Amino acid sequence: MAKQAVQLSKKQRTKYRFQKLKMCKKCNRYSVLKDKTCPTCSTNLVGIESLVKSILKKRLTTEAIRILIVVCLGIVFAPTIKTMYYSLVAGIIFCISYVALTSLFMKSEYFHQMKKLLRGDFRKIQAGIQFDSELAKADVKEERLAAAYEKLREIGDFISTDRVKVRRVMVLNDIALRSDMELELEGLIPSSYDKDFVKYALEVLKINRMLITKKCIAYFIHYRDAIVIDFGMDSLVSVAGTALRMKLYILEFSTFIEEFLDYFPKERVLRLCSIIHANPEVEWGGLKEKTMRVVAKKYHYDPDFKRFTIERERVISHV
C-alpha cells in the first residue's frame, strides 16, 4: 500500500504536561487533544489551569465573605463605640494581612489546588484519555492518518507505554516522511524488540541522522540478531555509520563501529579518519589501528586520504 502524503502540525509544547489537559463541563470529561470544543456536545473545553484558577477564586471569595461577615458582626454587636472602633480596626488589619498572605502564597496555593484536582479526578482523566484514544483509532480506520497521529502524539505525552508508542510508530510507517516534518525517535523507543519501530527508525535515519541518539544506537546493538533477520546486515552498517556523528558516540560504540568498518562508504571512513587525526590525545584502542588498515587497503592511492597514509608511513618508518 502506498504511503499517505500528509501535513503534520507542530507539536504543542507546554512547561508542564498537565497544562494540556482540558475539561468539558457539560460532559464532565477530560481531554488532552488540541481541540477547542468537545467532540460529543460541541461545548467549549476549559483548560485545567483556568479550571483551577476558577476553583481557587471561588474559595478565596468565600473566605473573604466569611471574614467580612465576622468583622460586620463584631461591629454590630460591639457593646460600646470604643469596642466598635477596635473591631473595625482589627477587621481592617486582618483583611489587609489576609490579602498580603494570600498574594505571597498564591503560587504555592495554586499548585496545591492543581495537585488536589489531578488526584481527585485521576479516574476521570484516565477515562478521558481512553476516549481520546478511541477517537484516534477511528481516524486510523477512516485513513485520516495526520489527525490520528496528532491525537496519539498528545496522548503519548501522558502515557508512555509500549502500546501507545507502537501505535504511533505504526501510523508513522503509513505516512510518507519528509525532512520538514517534526519527527521524533528516542521518545518512541519501546522496552522490547518491535519490528515496526526498527522499520521507522531506519526510515528516519535516511531523513535526519541527528535523531539517531545514543539510546537508539544501543537499542540496535541490543536487538542486533533480530534486526539482521528482519532487515539484513545493511541496517546495522547504517546505524554504525551514524555513530560517527559524535566523538563521544565513537568512543562508546567503538567495538560496534570497528565490526562494520569494512562496509562503510568512503565518506564515513574519511570522517572517522578526520576525527581520529584531530584528536591524537584520545585513546582509540583497536579502532584506530583497524581504520588505518582499511585506509591502507582501500584508499592508499586516494588523494583525500593522502595526509593519513603519509603520517602512517612516517610512524612505521620511525619505528
C-alpha atoms as a PDB file:
ATOM      1  CA  MET A   1       0.000   0.000   0.000  1.00  0.00           C
ATOM      2  CA  ALA A   2       1.321   3.416  -0.960  1.00  0.00           C
ATOM      3  CA  LYS A   3       2.222   5.724   1.879  1.00  0.00           C
ATOM      4  CA  GLN A   4      -0.057   8.660   2.510  1.00  0.00           C
ATOM      5  CA  ALA A   5       1.296  12.176   1.988  1.00  0.00           C
ATOM      6  CA  VAL A   6       0.159  14.342   4.889  1.00  0.00           C
ATOM      7  CA  GLN A   7       0.960  17.641   6.572  1.00  0.00           C
ATOM      8  CA  LEU A   8       1.589  17.315  10.300  1.00  0.00           C
ATOM      9  CA  SER A   9       1.074  20.322  12.538  1.00  0.00           C
ATOM     10  CA  LYS A  10       3.714  21.459  15.004  1.00  0.00           C
ATOM     11  CA  LYS A  11       3.609  19.806  18.388  1.00  0.00           C
ATOM     12  CA  GLN A  12       2.050  21.932  21.105  1.00  0.00           C
ATOM     13  CA  ARG A  13       4.592  22.384  23.882  1.00  0.00           C
ATOM     14  CA  THR A  14       3.899  23.380  27.472  1.00  0.00           C
ATOM     15  CA  LYS A  15       6.088  23.804  30.523  1.00  0.00           C
ATOM     16  CA  TYR A  16       4.154  21.129  32.413  1.00  0.00           C
ATOM     17  CA  ARG A  17       2.348  18.134  30.938  1.00  0.00           C
ATOM     18  CA  PHE A  18      -0.826  18.791  32.918  1.00  0.00           C
ATOM     19  CA  GLN A  19      -1.232  22.135  31.128  1.00  0.00           C
ATOM     20  CA  LYS A  20      -2.518  20.238  28.067  1.00  0.00           C
ATOM     21  CA  LEU A  21      -5.483  18.878  29.993  1.00  0.00           C
ATOM     22  CA  LYS A  22      -8.893  20.320  29.160  1.00  0.00           C
ATOM     23  CA  MET A  23     -12.359  19.573  30.514  1.00  0.00           C
ATOM     24  CA  CYS A  24     -15.862  19.657  29.121  1.00  0.00           C
ATOM     25  CA  LYS A  25     -18.038  20.888  31.982  1.00  0.00           C
ATOM     26  CA  LYS A  26     -21.183  19.598  30.297  1.00  0.00           C
ATOM     27  CA  CYS A  27     -19.925  16.038  29.714  1.00  0.00           C
ATOM     28  CA  ASN A  28     -17.647  16.178  32.758  1.00  0.00           C
ATOM     29  CA  ARG A  29     -14.927  14.624  30.591  1.00  0.00           C
ATOM     30  CA  TYR A  30     -11.225  15.409  30.297  1.00  0.00           C
ATOM     31  CA  SER A  31      -9.200  15.527  27.082  1.00  0.00           C
ATOM     32  CA  VAL A  32      -5.544  16.051  26.136  1.00  0.00           C
ATOM     33  CA  LEU A  33      -6.201  16.831  22.471  1.00  0.00           C
ATOM     34  CA  LYS A  34      -5.739  20.223  20.842  1.00  0.00           C
ATOM     35  CA  ASP A  35      -9.468  20.517  20.072  1.00  0.00           C
ATOM     36  CA  LYS A  36     -11.141  23.612  21.469  1.00  0.00           C
ATOM     37  CA  THR A  37     -14.643  22.111  21.564  1.00  0.00           C
ATOM     38  CA  CYS A  38     -15.977  18.820  22.884  1.00  0.00           C
ATOM     39  CA  PRO A  39     -16.470  16.291  20.038  1.00  0.00           C
ATOM     40  CA  THR A  40     -19.576  14.952  21.801  1.00  0.00           C
ATOM     41  CA  CYS A  41     -21.566  18.068  22.697  1.00  0.00           C
ATOM     42  CA  SER A  42     -19.623  20.876  20.921  1.00  0.00           C
ATOM     43  CA  THR A  43     -19.216  22.769  24.214  1.00  0.00           C
ATOM     44  CA  ASN A  44     -16.049  24.841  24.596  1.00  0.00           C
ATOM     45  CA  LEU A  45     -13.391  22.952  26.530  1.00  0.00           C
ATOM     46  CA  VAL A  46     -11.916  24.654  29.597  1.00  0.00           C
ATOM     47  CA  GLY A  47      -8.179  24.372  30.209  1.00  0.00           C
ATOM     48  CA  ILE A  48      -7.218  22.833  33.521  1.00  0.00           C
ATOM     49  CA  GLU A  49      -5.326  25.984  34.529  1.00  0.00           C
ATOM     50  CA  SER A  50      -8.473  28.068  34.043  1.00  0.00           C
ATOM     51  CA  LEU A  51     -10.411  25.421  35.959  1.00  0.00           C
ATOM     52  CA  VAL A  52      -8.015  25.559  38.909  1.00  0.00           C
ATOM     53  CA  LYS A  53      -7.981  29.362  38.901  1.00  0.00           C
ATOM     54  CA  SER A  54     -11.779  29.358  38.929  1.00  0.00           C
ATOM     55  CA  ILE A  55     -11.857  26.943  41.886  1.00  0.00           C
ATOM     56  CA  LEU A  56      -9.227  28.981  43.710  1.00  0.00           C
ATOM     57  CA  LYS A  57     -11.072  32.232  43.022  1.00  0.00           C
ATOM     58  CA  LYS A  58     -14.334  30.821  44.383  1.00  0.00           C
ATOM     59  CA  ARG A  59     -12.604  29.549  47.505  1.00  0.00           C
ATOM     60  CA  LEU A  60     -10.852  32.848  48.172  1.00  0.00           C
ATOM     61  CA  THR A  61     -14.100  34.753  47.564  1.00  0.00           C
ATOM     62  CA  THR A  62     -15.921  32.517  50.049  1.00  0.00           C
ATOM     63  CA  GLU A  63     -13.193  33.025  52.649  1.00  0.00           C
ATOM     64  CA  ALA A  64     -13.230  36.806  52.095  1.00  0.00           C
ATOM     65  CA  ILE A  65     -17.020  36.917  52.565  1.00  0.00           C
ATOM     66  CA  ARG A  66     -16.732  34.947  55.798  1.00  0.00           C
ATOM     67  CA  ILE A  67     -14.108  37.358  57.107  1.00  0.00           C
ATOM     68  CA  LEU A  68     -16.287  40.363  56.238  1.00  0.00           C
ATOM     69  CA  ILE A  69     -19.297  38.752  57.967  1.00  0.00           C
ATOM     70  CA  VAL A  70     -17.254  38.174  61.135  1.00  0.00           C
ATOM     71  CA  VAL A  71     -15.986  41.793  61.065  1.00  0.00           C
ATOM     72  CA  CYS A  72     -19.516  43.145  60.497  1.00  0.00           C
ATOM     73  CA  LEU A  73     -20.902  41.033  63.334  1.00  0.00           C
ATOM     74  CA  GLY A  74     -18.146  42.326  65.587  1.00  0.00           C
ATOM     75  CA  ILE A  75     -19.088  45.904  64.743  1.00  0.00           C
ATOM     76  CA  VAL A  76     -22.848  45.344  65.054  1.00  0.00           C
ATOM     77  CA  PHE A  77     -22.687  43.585  68.400  1.00  0.00           C
ATOM     78  CA  ALA A  78     -19.995  45.833  69.897  1.00  0.00           C
ATOM     79  CA  PRO A  79     -21.229  46.937  73.385  1.00  0.00           C
ATOM     80  CA  THR A  80     -19.571  50.383  73.146  1.00  0.00           C
ATOM     81  CA  ILE A  81     -18.396  52.851  70.498  1.00  0.00           C
ATOM     82  CA  LYS A  82     -14.815  52.262  71.555  1.00  0.00           C
ATOM     83  CA  THR A  83     -15.202  48.491  71.117  1.00  0.00           C
ATOM     84  CA  MET A  84     -16.812  49.065  67.739  1.00  0.00           C
ATOM     85  CA  TYR A  85     -13.777  51.090  66.609  1.00  0.00           C
ATOM     86  CA  TYR A  86     -11.472  48.385  67.922  1.00  0.00           C
ATOM     87  CA  SER A  87     -13.449  45.774  65.978  1.00  0.00           C
ATOM     88  CA  LEU A  88     -13.304  47.902  62.833  1.00  0.00           C
ATOM     89  CA  VAL A  89      -9.535  48.490  63.104  1.00  0.00           C
ATOM     90  CA  ALA A  90      -8.901  44.822  63.902  1.00  0.00           C
ATOM     91  CA  GLY A  91     -11.053  43.804  60.940  1.00  0.00           C
ATOM     92  CA  ILE A  92      -9.186  46.131  58.544  1.00  0.00           C
ATOM     93  CA  ILE A  93      -5.799  44.868  59.772  1.00  0.00           C
ATOM     94  CA  PHE A  94      -6.954  41.255  59.428  1.00  0.00           C
ATOM     95  CA  CYS A  95      -8.263  41.848  55.893  1.00  0.00           C
ATOM     96  CA  ILE A  96      -5.013  43.533  54.827  1.00  0.00           C
ATOM     97  CA  SER A  97      -2.987  40.695  56.363  1.00  0.00           C
ATOM     98  CA  TYR A  98      -5.190  38.123  54.636  1.00  0.00           C
ATOM     99  CA  VAL A  99      -4.746  39.790  51.220  1.00  0.00           C
ATOM    100  CA  ALA A 100      -0.968  40.115  51.736  1.00  0.00           C
ATOM    101  CA  LEU A 101      -0.507  36.482  52.811  1.00  0.00           C
ATOM    102  CA  THR A 102      -2.769  35.231  50.019  1.00  0.00           C
ATOM    103  CA  SER A 103      -0.746  37.145  47.426  1.00  0.00           C
ATOM    104  CA  LEU A 104       2.505  35.839  48.925  1.00  0.00           C
ATOM    105  CA  PHE A 105       1.471  32.191  48.832  1.00  0.00           C
ATOM    106  CA  MET A 106      -0.770  32.319  45.761  1.00  0.00           C
ATOM    107  CA  LYS A 107       1.636  30.347  43.569  1.00  0.00           C
ATOM    108  CA  SER A 108       2.091  27.517  46.061  1.00  0.00           C
ATOM    109  CA  GLU A 109      -1.644  27.510  46.744  1.00  0.00           C
ATOM    110  CA  TYR A 110      -2.287  27.269  43.000  1.00  0.00           C
ATOM    111  CA  PHE A 111      -0.084  24.172  42.654  1.00  0.00           C
ATOM    112  CA  HIS A 112      -1.584  22.657  45.814  1.00  0.00           C
ATOM    113  CA  GLN A 113      -5.058  23.056  44.337  1.00  0.00           C
ATOM    114  CA  MET A 114      -3.827  21.679  40.994  1.00  0.00           C
ATOM    115  CA  LYS A 115      -2.386  18.589  42.673  1.00  0.00           C
ATOM    116  CA  LYS A 116      -5.579  18.100  44.643  1.00  0.00           C
ATOM    117  CA  LEU A 117      -7.713  18.310  41.483  1.00  0.00           C
ATOM    118  CA  LEU A 118      -5.484  15.934  39.498  1.00  0.00           C
ATOM    119  CA  ARG A 119      -5.528  13.361  42.280  1.00  0.00           C
ATOM    120  CA  GLY A 120      -9.250  13.667  42.863  1.00  0.00           C
ATOM    121  CA  ASP A 121     -10.120  13.384  39.159  1.00  0.00           C
ATOM    122  CA  PHE A 122      -7.492  10.770  38.274  1.00  0.00           C
ATOM    123  CA  ARG A 123     -10.076   8.195  37.131  1.00  0.00           C
ATOM    124  CA  LYS A 124     -11.893  10.801  35.059  1.00  0.00           C
ATOM    125  CA  ILE A 125      -8.626  11.833  33.395  1.00  0.00           C
ATOM    126  CA  GLN A 126      -7.867   8.184  32.567  1.00  0.00           C
ATOM    127  CA  ALA A 127     -11.336   7.732  31.069  1.00  0.00           C
ATOM    128  CA  GLY A 128     -10.941  10.952  29.069  1.00  0.00           C
ATOM    129  CA  ILE A 129      -7.611   9.870  27.597  1.00  0.00           C
ATOM    130  CA  GLN A 130      -9.106   6.486  26.720  1.00  0.00           C
ATOM    131  CA  PHE A 131     -11.904   8.310  24.863  1.00  0.00           C
ATOM    132  CA  ASP A 132      -9.244  10.355  23.014  1.00  0.00           C
ATOM    133  CA  SER A 133      -7.540   7.089  22.096  1.00  0.00           C
ATOM    134  CA  GLU A 134     -10.768   5.734  20.622  1.00  0.00           C
ATOM    135  CA  LEU A 135     -11.071   8.896  18.506  1.00  0.00           C
ATOM    136  CA  ALA A 136      -7.539   8.283  17.193  1.00  0.00           C
ATOM    137  CA  LYS A 137      -8.445   4.672  16.390  1.00  0.00           C
ATOM    138  CA  ALA A 138     -11.473   5.865  14.434  1.00  0.00           C
ATOM    139  CA  ASP A 139      -9.257   8.258  12.458  1.00  0.00           C
ATOM    140  CA  VAL A 140      -6.937   5.389  11.527  1.00  0.00           C
ATOM    141  CA  LYS A 141      -9.869   3.321  10.268  1.00  0.00           C
ATOM    142  CA  GLU A 142     -11.026   6.271   8.162  1.00  0.00           C
ATOM    143  CA  GLU A 143      -7.422   6.735   6.932  1.00  0.00           C
ATOM    144  CA  ARG A 144      -7.154  10.206   8.453  1.00  0.00           C
ATOM    145  CA  LEU A 145      -3.564   9.465   9.393  1.00  0.00           C
ATOM    146  CA  ALA A 146      -2.444  13.025  10.149  1.00  0.00           C
ATOM    147  CA  ALA A 147      -5.321  13.552  12.582  1.00  0.00           C
ATOM    148  CA  ALA A 148      -4.754  10.110  14.111  1.00  0.00           C
ATOM    149  CA  TYR A 149      -1.040  10.680  14.666  1.00  0.00           C
ATOM    150  CA  GLU A 150      -1.532  14.138  16.153  1.00  0.00           C
ATOM    151  CA  LYS A 151      -4.012  12.679  18.639  1.00  0.00           C
ATOM    152  CA  LEU A 152      -1.678   9.813  19.539  1.00  0.00           C
ATOM    153  CA  ARG A 153       1.207  12.268  19.891  1.00  0.00           C
ATOM    154  CA  GLU A 154      -0.710  14.276  22.503  1.00  0.00           C
ATOM    155  CA  ILE A 155      -1.761  11.096  24.299  1.00  0.00           C
ATOM    156  CA  GLY A 156       1.871   9.946  24.277  1.00  0.00           C
ATOM    157  CA  ASP A 157       2.823  12.928  26.436  1.00  0.00           C
ATOM    158  CA  PHE A 158       0.712  11.438  29.233  1.00  0.00           C
ATOM    159  CA  ILE A 159       1.008   7.698  28.610  1.00  0.00           C
ATOM    160  CA  SER A 160       4.452   6.359  27.674  1.00  0.00           C
ATOM    161  CA  THR A 161       3.576   2.654  27.438  1.00  0.00           C
ATOM    162  CA  ASP A 162       4.874   0.424  24.642  1.00  0.00           C
ATOM    163  CA  ARG A 163       1.327   0.073  23.347  1.00  0.00           C
ATOM    164  CA  VAL A 164       0.983   3.813  22.706  1.00  0.00           C
ATOM    165  CA  LYS A 165       4.500   4.051  21.249  1.00  0.00           C
ATOM    166  CA  VAL A 166       3.895   1.194  18.829  1.00  0.00           C
ATOM    167  CA  ARG A 167       0.529   2.633  17.746  1.00  0.00           C
ATOM    168  CA  ARG A 168       2.244   5.932  16.929  1.00  0.00           C
ATOM    169  CA  VAL A 169       5.003   4.165  15.017  1.00  0.00           C
ATOM    170  CA  MET A 170       2.527   2.080  13.015  1.00  0.00           C
ATOM    171  CA  VAL A 171       0.736   5.235  11.890  1.00  0.00           C
ATOM    172  CA  LEU A 172       4.047   6.903  11.005  1.00  0.00           C
ATOM    173  CA  ASN A 173       5.026   3.879   8.903  1.00  0.00           C
ATOM    174  CA  ASP A 174       1.980   4.543   6.704  1.00  0.00           C
ATOM    175  CA  ILE A 175       2.933   8.200   6.238  1.00  0.00           C
ATOM    176  CA  ALA A 176       5.386   9.487   3.644  1.00  0.00           C
ATOM    177  CA  LEU A 177       8.013  11.049   5.926  1.00  0.00           C
ATOM    178  CA  ARG A 178       9.788  14.252   4.913  1.00  0.00           C
ATOM    179  CA  SER A 179      12.690  16.254   6.300  1.00  0.00           C
ATOM    180  CA  ASP A 180      10.443  19.259   7.030  1.00  0.00           C
ATOM    181  CA  MET A 181       8.328  17.204   9.448  1.00  0.00           C
ATOM    182  CA  GLU A 182       8.760  17.466  13.195  1.00  0.00           C
ATOM    183  CA  LEU A 183       9.782  13.846  13.703  1.00  0.00           C
ATOM    184  CA  GLU A 184      10.887  12.180  16.931  1.00  0.00           C
ATOM    185  CA  LEU A 185      12.589   8.899  17.646  1.00  0.00           C
ATOM    186  CA  GLU A 186      14.085   8.496  21.125  1.00  0.00           C
ATOM    187  CA  GLY A 187      10.718   9.018  22.828  1.00  0.00           C
ATOM    188  CA  LEU A 188       9.255   6.163  20.746  1.00  0.00           C
ATOM    189  CA  ILE A 189      11.833   3.513  21.670  1.00  0.00           C
ATOM    190  CA  PRO A 190       9.948   0.520  23.153  1.00  0.00           C
ATOM    191  CA  SER A 191      11.213  -1.621  26.028  1.00  0.00           C
ATOM    192  CA  SER A 192      11.382  -4.750  23.849  1.00  0.00           C
ATOM    193  CA  TYR A 193      12.050  -5.612  20.223  1.00  0.00           C
ATOM    194  CA  ASP A 194       9.468  -4.260  17.815  1.00  0.00           C
ATOM    195  CA  LYS A 195       9.761  -4.664  14.053  1.00  0.00           C
ATOM    196  CA  ASP A 196       7.595  -1.618  13.315  1.00  0.00           C
ATOM    197  CA  PHE A 197       9.853   0.622  15.398  1.00  0.00           C
ATOM    198  CA  VAL A 198      13.014  -0.594  13.655  1.00  0.00           C
ATOM    199  CA  LYS A 199      11.365  -0.013  10.273  1.00  0.00           C
ATOM    200  CA  TYR A 200      10.500   3.540  11.313  1.00  0.00           C
ATOM    201  CA  ALA A 201      13.958   4.205  12.795  1.00  0.00           C
ATOM    202  CA  LEU A 202      15.687   3.122   9.574  1.00  0.00           C
ATOM    203  CA  GLU A 203      13.431   5.457   7.607  1.00  0.00           C
ATOM    204  CA  VAL A 204      14.223   8.336   9.970  1.00  0.00           C
ATOM    205  CA  LEU A 205      17.938   7.573   9.616  1.00  0.00           C
ATOM    206  CA  LYS A 206      17.692   8.343   5.892  1.00  0.00           C
ATOM    207  CA  ILE A 207      15.935  11.648   6.553  1.00  0.00           C
ATOM    208  CA  ASN A 208      17.620  13.037   9.662  1.00  0.00           C
ATOM    209  CA  ARG A 209      20.663  11.335  11.217  1.00  0.00           C
ATOM    210  CA  MET A 210      20.563  13.809  14.113  1.00  0.00           C
ATOM    211  CA  LEU A 211      17.629  11.877  15.588  1.00  0.00           C
ATOM    212  CA  ILE A 212      19.715   8.700  15.954  1.00  0.00           C
ATOM    213  CA  THR A 213      20.838   9.168  19.547  1.00  0.00           C
ATOM    214  CA  LYS A 214      22.898   7.091  21.951  1.00  0.00           C
ATOM    215  CA  LYS A 215      19.792   5.335  23.261  1.00  0.00           C
ATOM    216  CA  CYS A 216      18.693   4.410  19.747  1.00  0.00           C
ATOM    217  CA  ILE A 217      22.108   3.015  18.779  1.00  0.00           C
ATOM    218  CA  ALA A 218      22.150   0.961  21.994  1.00  0.00           C
ATOM    219  CA  TYR A 219      18.713  -0.428  21.043  1.00  0.00           C
ATOM    220  CA  PHE A 220      20.018  -1.602  17.657  1.00  0.00           C
ATOM    221  CA  ILE A 221      23.044  -3.228  19.285  1.00  0.00           C
ATOM    222  CA  HIS A 222      20.913  -4.995  21.907  1.00  0.00           C
ATOM    223  CA  TYR A 223      18.498  -6.467  19.338  1.00  0.00           C
ATOM    224  CA  ARG A 224      21.014  -6.851  16.523  1.00  0.00           C
ATOM    225  CA  ASP A 225      20.271 -10.546  15.863  1.00  0.00           C
ATOM    226  CA  ALA A 226      16.537  -9.973  15.361  1.00  0.00           C
ATOM    227  CA  ILE A 227      17.218  -6.847  13.288  1.00  0.00           C
ATOM    228  CA  VAL A 228      19.569  -8.715  10.935  1.00  0.00           C
ATOM    229  CA  ILE A 229      16.920 -11.418  10.404  1.00  0.00           C
ATOM    230  CA  ASP A 230      14.186  -8.852   9.603  1.00  0.00           C
ATOM    231  CA  PHE A 231      16.150  -6.101   7.860  1.00  0.00           C
ATOM    232  CA  GLY A 232      19.541  -7.516   6.884  1.00  0.00           C
ATOM    233  CA  MET A 233      23.104  -6.569   7.775  1.00  0.00           C
ATOM    234  CA  ASP A 234      22.935  -3.228   5.927  1.00  0.00           C
ATOM    235  CA  SER A 235      20.666  -1.853   8.651  1.00  0.00           C
ATOM    236  CA  LEU A 236      23.389  -2.313  11.282  1.00  0.00           C
ATOM    237  CA  VAL A 237      26.009  -0.870   8.932  1.00  0.00           C
ATOM    238  CA  SER A 238      23.882   2.268   8.521  1.00  0.00           C
ATOM    239  CA  VAL A 239      23.451   2.677  12.278  1.00  0.00           C
ATOM    240  CA  ALA A 240      27.142   2.076  12.941  1.00  0.00           C
ATOM    241  CA  GLY A 241      27.965   4.745  10.345  1.00  0.00           C
ATOM    242  CA  THR A 242      25.576   7.138  12.081  1.00  0.00           C
ATOM    243  CA  ALA A 243      27.519   6.677  15.335  1.00  0.00           C
ATOM    244  CA  LEU A 244      30.377   8.622  13.692  1.00  0.00           C
ATOM    245  CA  ARG A 245      28.318  11.786  14.151  1.00  0.00           C
ATOM    246  CA  MET A 246      29.867  12.494  17.557  1.00  0.00           C
ATOM    247  CA  LYS A 247      33.237  11.755  19.118  1.00  0.00           C
ATOM    248  CA  LEU A 248      31.578  10.537  22.324  1.00  0.00           C
ATOM    249  CA  TYR A 249      29.484   8.064  20.334  1.00  0.00           C
ATOM    250  CA  ILE A 250      32.595   6.789  18.542  1.00  0.00           C
ATOM    251  CA  LEU A 251      34.332   6.140  21.852  1.00  0.00           C
ATOM    252  CA  GLU A 252      31.313   4.460  23.434  1.00  0.00           C
ATOM    253  CA  PHE A 253      30.447   2.286  20.431  1.00  0.00           C
ATOM    254  CA  SER A 254      33.975   1.751  19.091  1.00  0.00           C
ATOM    255  CA  THR A 255      33.648  -2.054  19.083  1.00  0.00           C
ATOM    256  CA  PHE A 256      30.377  -1.847  17.145  1.00  0.00           C
ATOM    257  CA  ILE A 257      31.902   0.599  14.630  1.00  0.00           C
ATOM    258  CA  GLU A 258      35.048  -1.481  14.241  1.00  0.00           C
ATOM    259  CA  GLU A 259      32.958  -4.553  13.400  1.00  0.00           C
ATOM    260  CA  PHE A 260      31.353  -2.895  10.367  1.00  0.00           C
ATOM    261  CA  LEU A 261      34.173  -0.580   9.329  1.00  0.00           C
ATOM    262  CA  ASP A 262      34.983  -2.631   6.202  1.00  0.00           C
ATOM    263  CA  TYR A 263      31.462  -1.975   4.891  1.00  0.00           C
ATOM    264  CA  PHE A 264      31.445   1.815   5.393  1.00  0.00           C
ATOM    265  CA  PRO A 265      31.237   4.048   2.316  1.00  0.00           C
ATOM    266  CA  LYS A 266      34.180   6.305   1.599  1.00  0.00           C
ATOM    267  CA  GLU A 267      32.733   9.458   3.216  1.00  0.00           C
ATOM    268  CA  ARG A 268      32.139   7.631   6.508  1.00  0.00           C
ATOM    269  CA  VAL A 269      35.704   6.286   6.611  1.00  0.00           C
ATOM    270  CA  LEU A 270      37.039   9.731   5.727  1.00  0.00           C
ATOM    271  CA  ARG A 271      35.056  11.291   8.574  1.00  0.00           C
ATOM    272  CA  LEU A 272      36.356   8.711  11.043  1.00  0.00           C
ATOM    273  CA  CYS A 273      39.930   9.316   9.924  1.00  0.00           C
ATOM    274  CA  SER A 274      39.486  13.077  10.317  1.00  0.00           C
ATOM    275  CA  ILE A 275      38.112  12.719  13.857  1.00  0.00           C
ATOM    276  CA  ILE A 276      40.897  10.343  14.926  1.00  0.00           C
ATOM    277  CA  HIS A 277      43.535  12.596  13.323  1.00  0.00           C
ATOM    278  CA  ALA A 278      42.105  15.706  15.052  1.00  0.00           C
ATOM    279  CA  ASN A 279      42.220  14.041  18.489  1.00  0.00           C
ATOM    280  CA  PRO A 280      45.655  12.393  18.834  1.00  0.00           C
ATOM    281  CA  GLU A 281      45.473  12.546  22.635  1.00  0.00           C
ATOM    282  CA  VAL A 282      42.462  10.225  22.750  1.00  0.00           C
ATOM    283  CA  GLU A 283      42.997   6.523  23.348  1.00  0.00           C
ATOM    284  CA  TRP A 284      41.077   4.995  20.434  1.00  0.00           C
ATOM    285  CA  GLY A 285      42.096   1.393  21.142  1.00  0.00           C
ATOM    286  CA  GLY A 286      41.805  -1.076  18.286  1.00  0.00           C
ATOM    287  CA  LEU A 287      39.549   1.239  16.273  1.00  0.00           C
ATOM    288  CA  LYS A 288      42.416   3.482  15.165  1.00  0.00           C
ATOM    289  CA  GLU A 289      44.533   0.559  14.018  1.00  0.00           C
ATOM    290  CA  LYS A 290      41.618  -1.037  12.162  1.00  0.00           C
ATOM    291  CA  THR A 291      40.799   2.292  10.485  1.00  0.00           C
ATOM    292  CA  MET A 292      44.381   2.709   9.272  1.00  0.00           C
ATOM    293  CA  ARG A 293      44.375  -0.827   7.881  1.00  0.00           C
ATOM    294  CA  VAL A 294      41.154  -0.151   5.959  1.00  0.00           C
ATOM    295  CA  VAL A 295      42.606   3.086   4.565  1.00  0.00           C
ATOM    296  CA  ALA A 296      45.838   1.337   3.534  1.00  0.00           C
ATOM    297  CA  LYS A 297      43.869  -1.442   1.859  1.00  0.00           C
ATOM    298  CA  LYS A 298      41.139   0.518   0.061  1.00  0.00           C
ATOM    299  CA  TYR A 299      42.205   4.150  -0.191  1.00  0.00           C
ATOM    300  CA  HIS A 300      46.007   4.071  -0.361  1.00  0.00           C
ATOM    301  CA  TYR A 301      46.049   5.965  -3.672  1.00  0.00           C
ATOM    302  CA  ASP A 302      43.060   8.211  -2.940  1.00  0.00           C
ATOM    303  CA  PRO A 303      44.210  11.869  -2.608  1.00  0.00           C
ATOM    304  CA  ASP A 304      41.525  12.511   0.048  1.00  0.00           C
ATOM    305  CA  PHE A 305      43.329  10.082   2.355  1.00  0.00           C
ATOM    306  CA  LYS A 306      46.870  11.109   1.433  1.00  0.00           C
ATOM    307  CA  ARG A 307      47.584  13.006   4.679  1.00  0.00           C
ATOM    308  CA  PHE A 308      46.558   9.994   6.754  1.00  0.00           C
ATOM    309  CA  THR A 309      48.608   7.438   4.761  1.00  0.00           C
ATOM    310  CA  ILE A 310      51.706   9.675   4.766  1.00  0.00           C
ATOM    311  CA  GLU A 311      51.509  10.068   8.538  1.00  0.00           C
ATOM    312  CA  ARG A 312      51.146   6.292   8.969  1.00  0.00           C
ATOM    313  CA  GLU A 313      54.161   5.642   6.753  1.00  0.00           C
ATOM    314  CA  ARG A 314      56.224   8.100   8.804  1.00  0.00           C
ATOM    315  CA  VAL A 315      55.257   6.352  12.015  1.00  0.00           C
ATOM    316  CA  ILE A 316      56.112   2.935  10.579  1.00  0.00           C
ATOM    317  CA  SER A 317      59.489   4.122   9.209  1.00  0.00           C
ATOM    318  CA  HIS A 318      60.277   5.783  12.552  1.00  0.00           C
ATOM    319  CA  VAL A 319      59.534   2.554  14.372  1.00  0.00           C
END
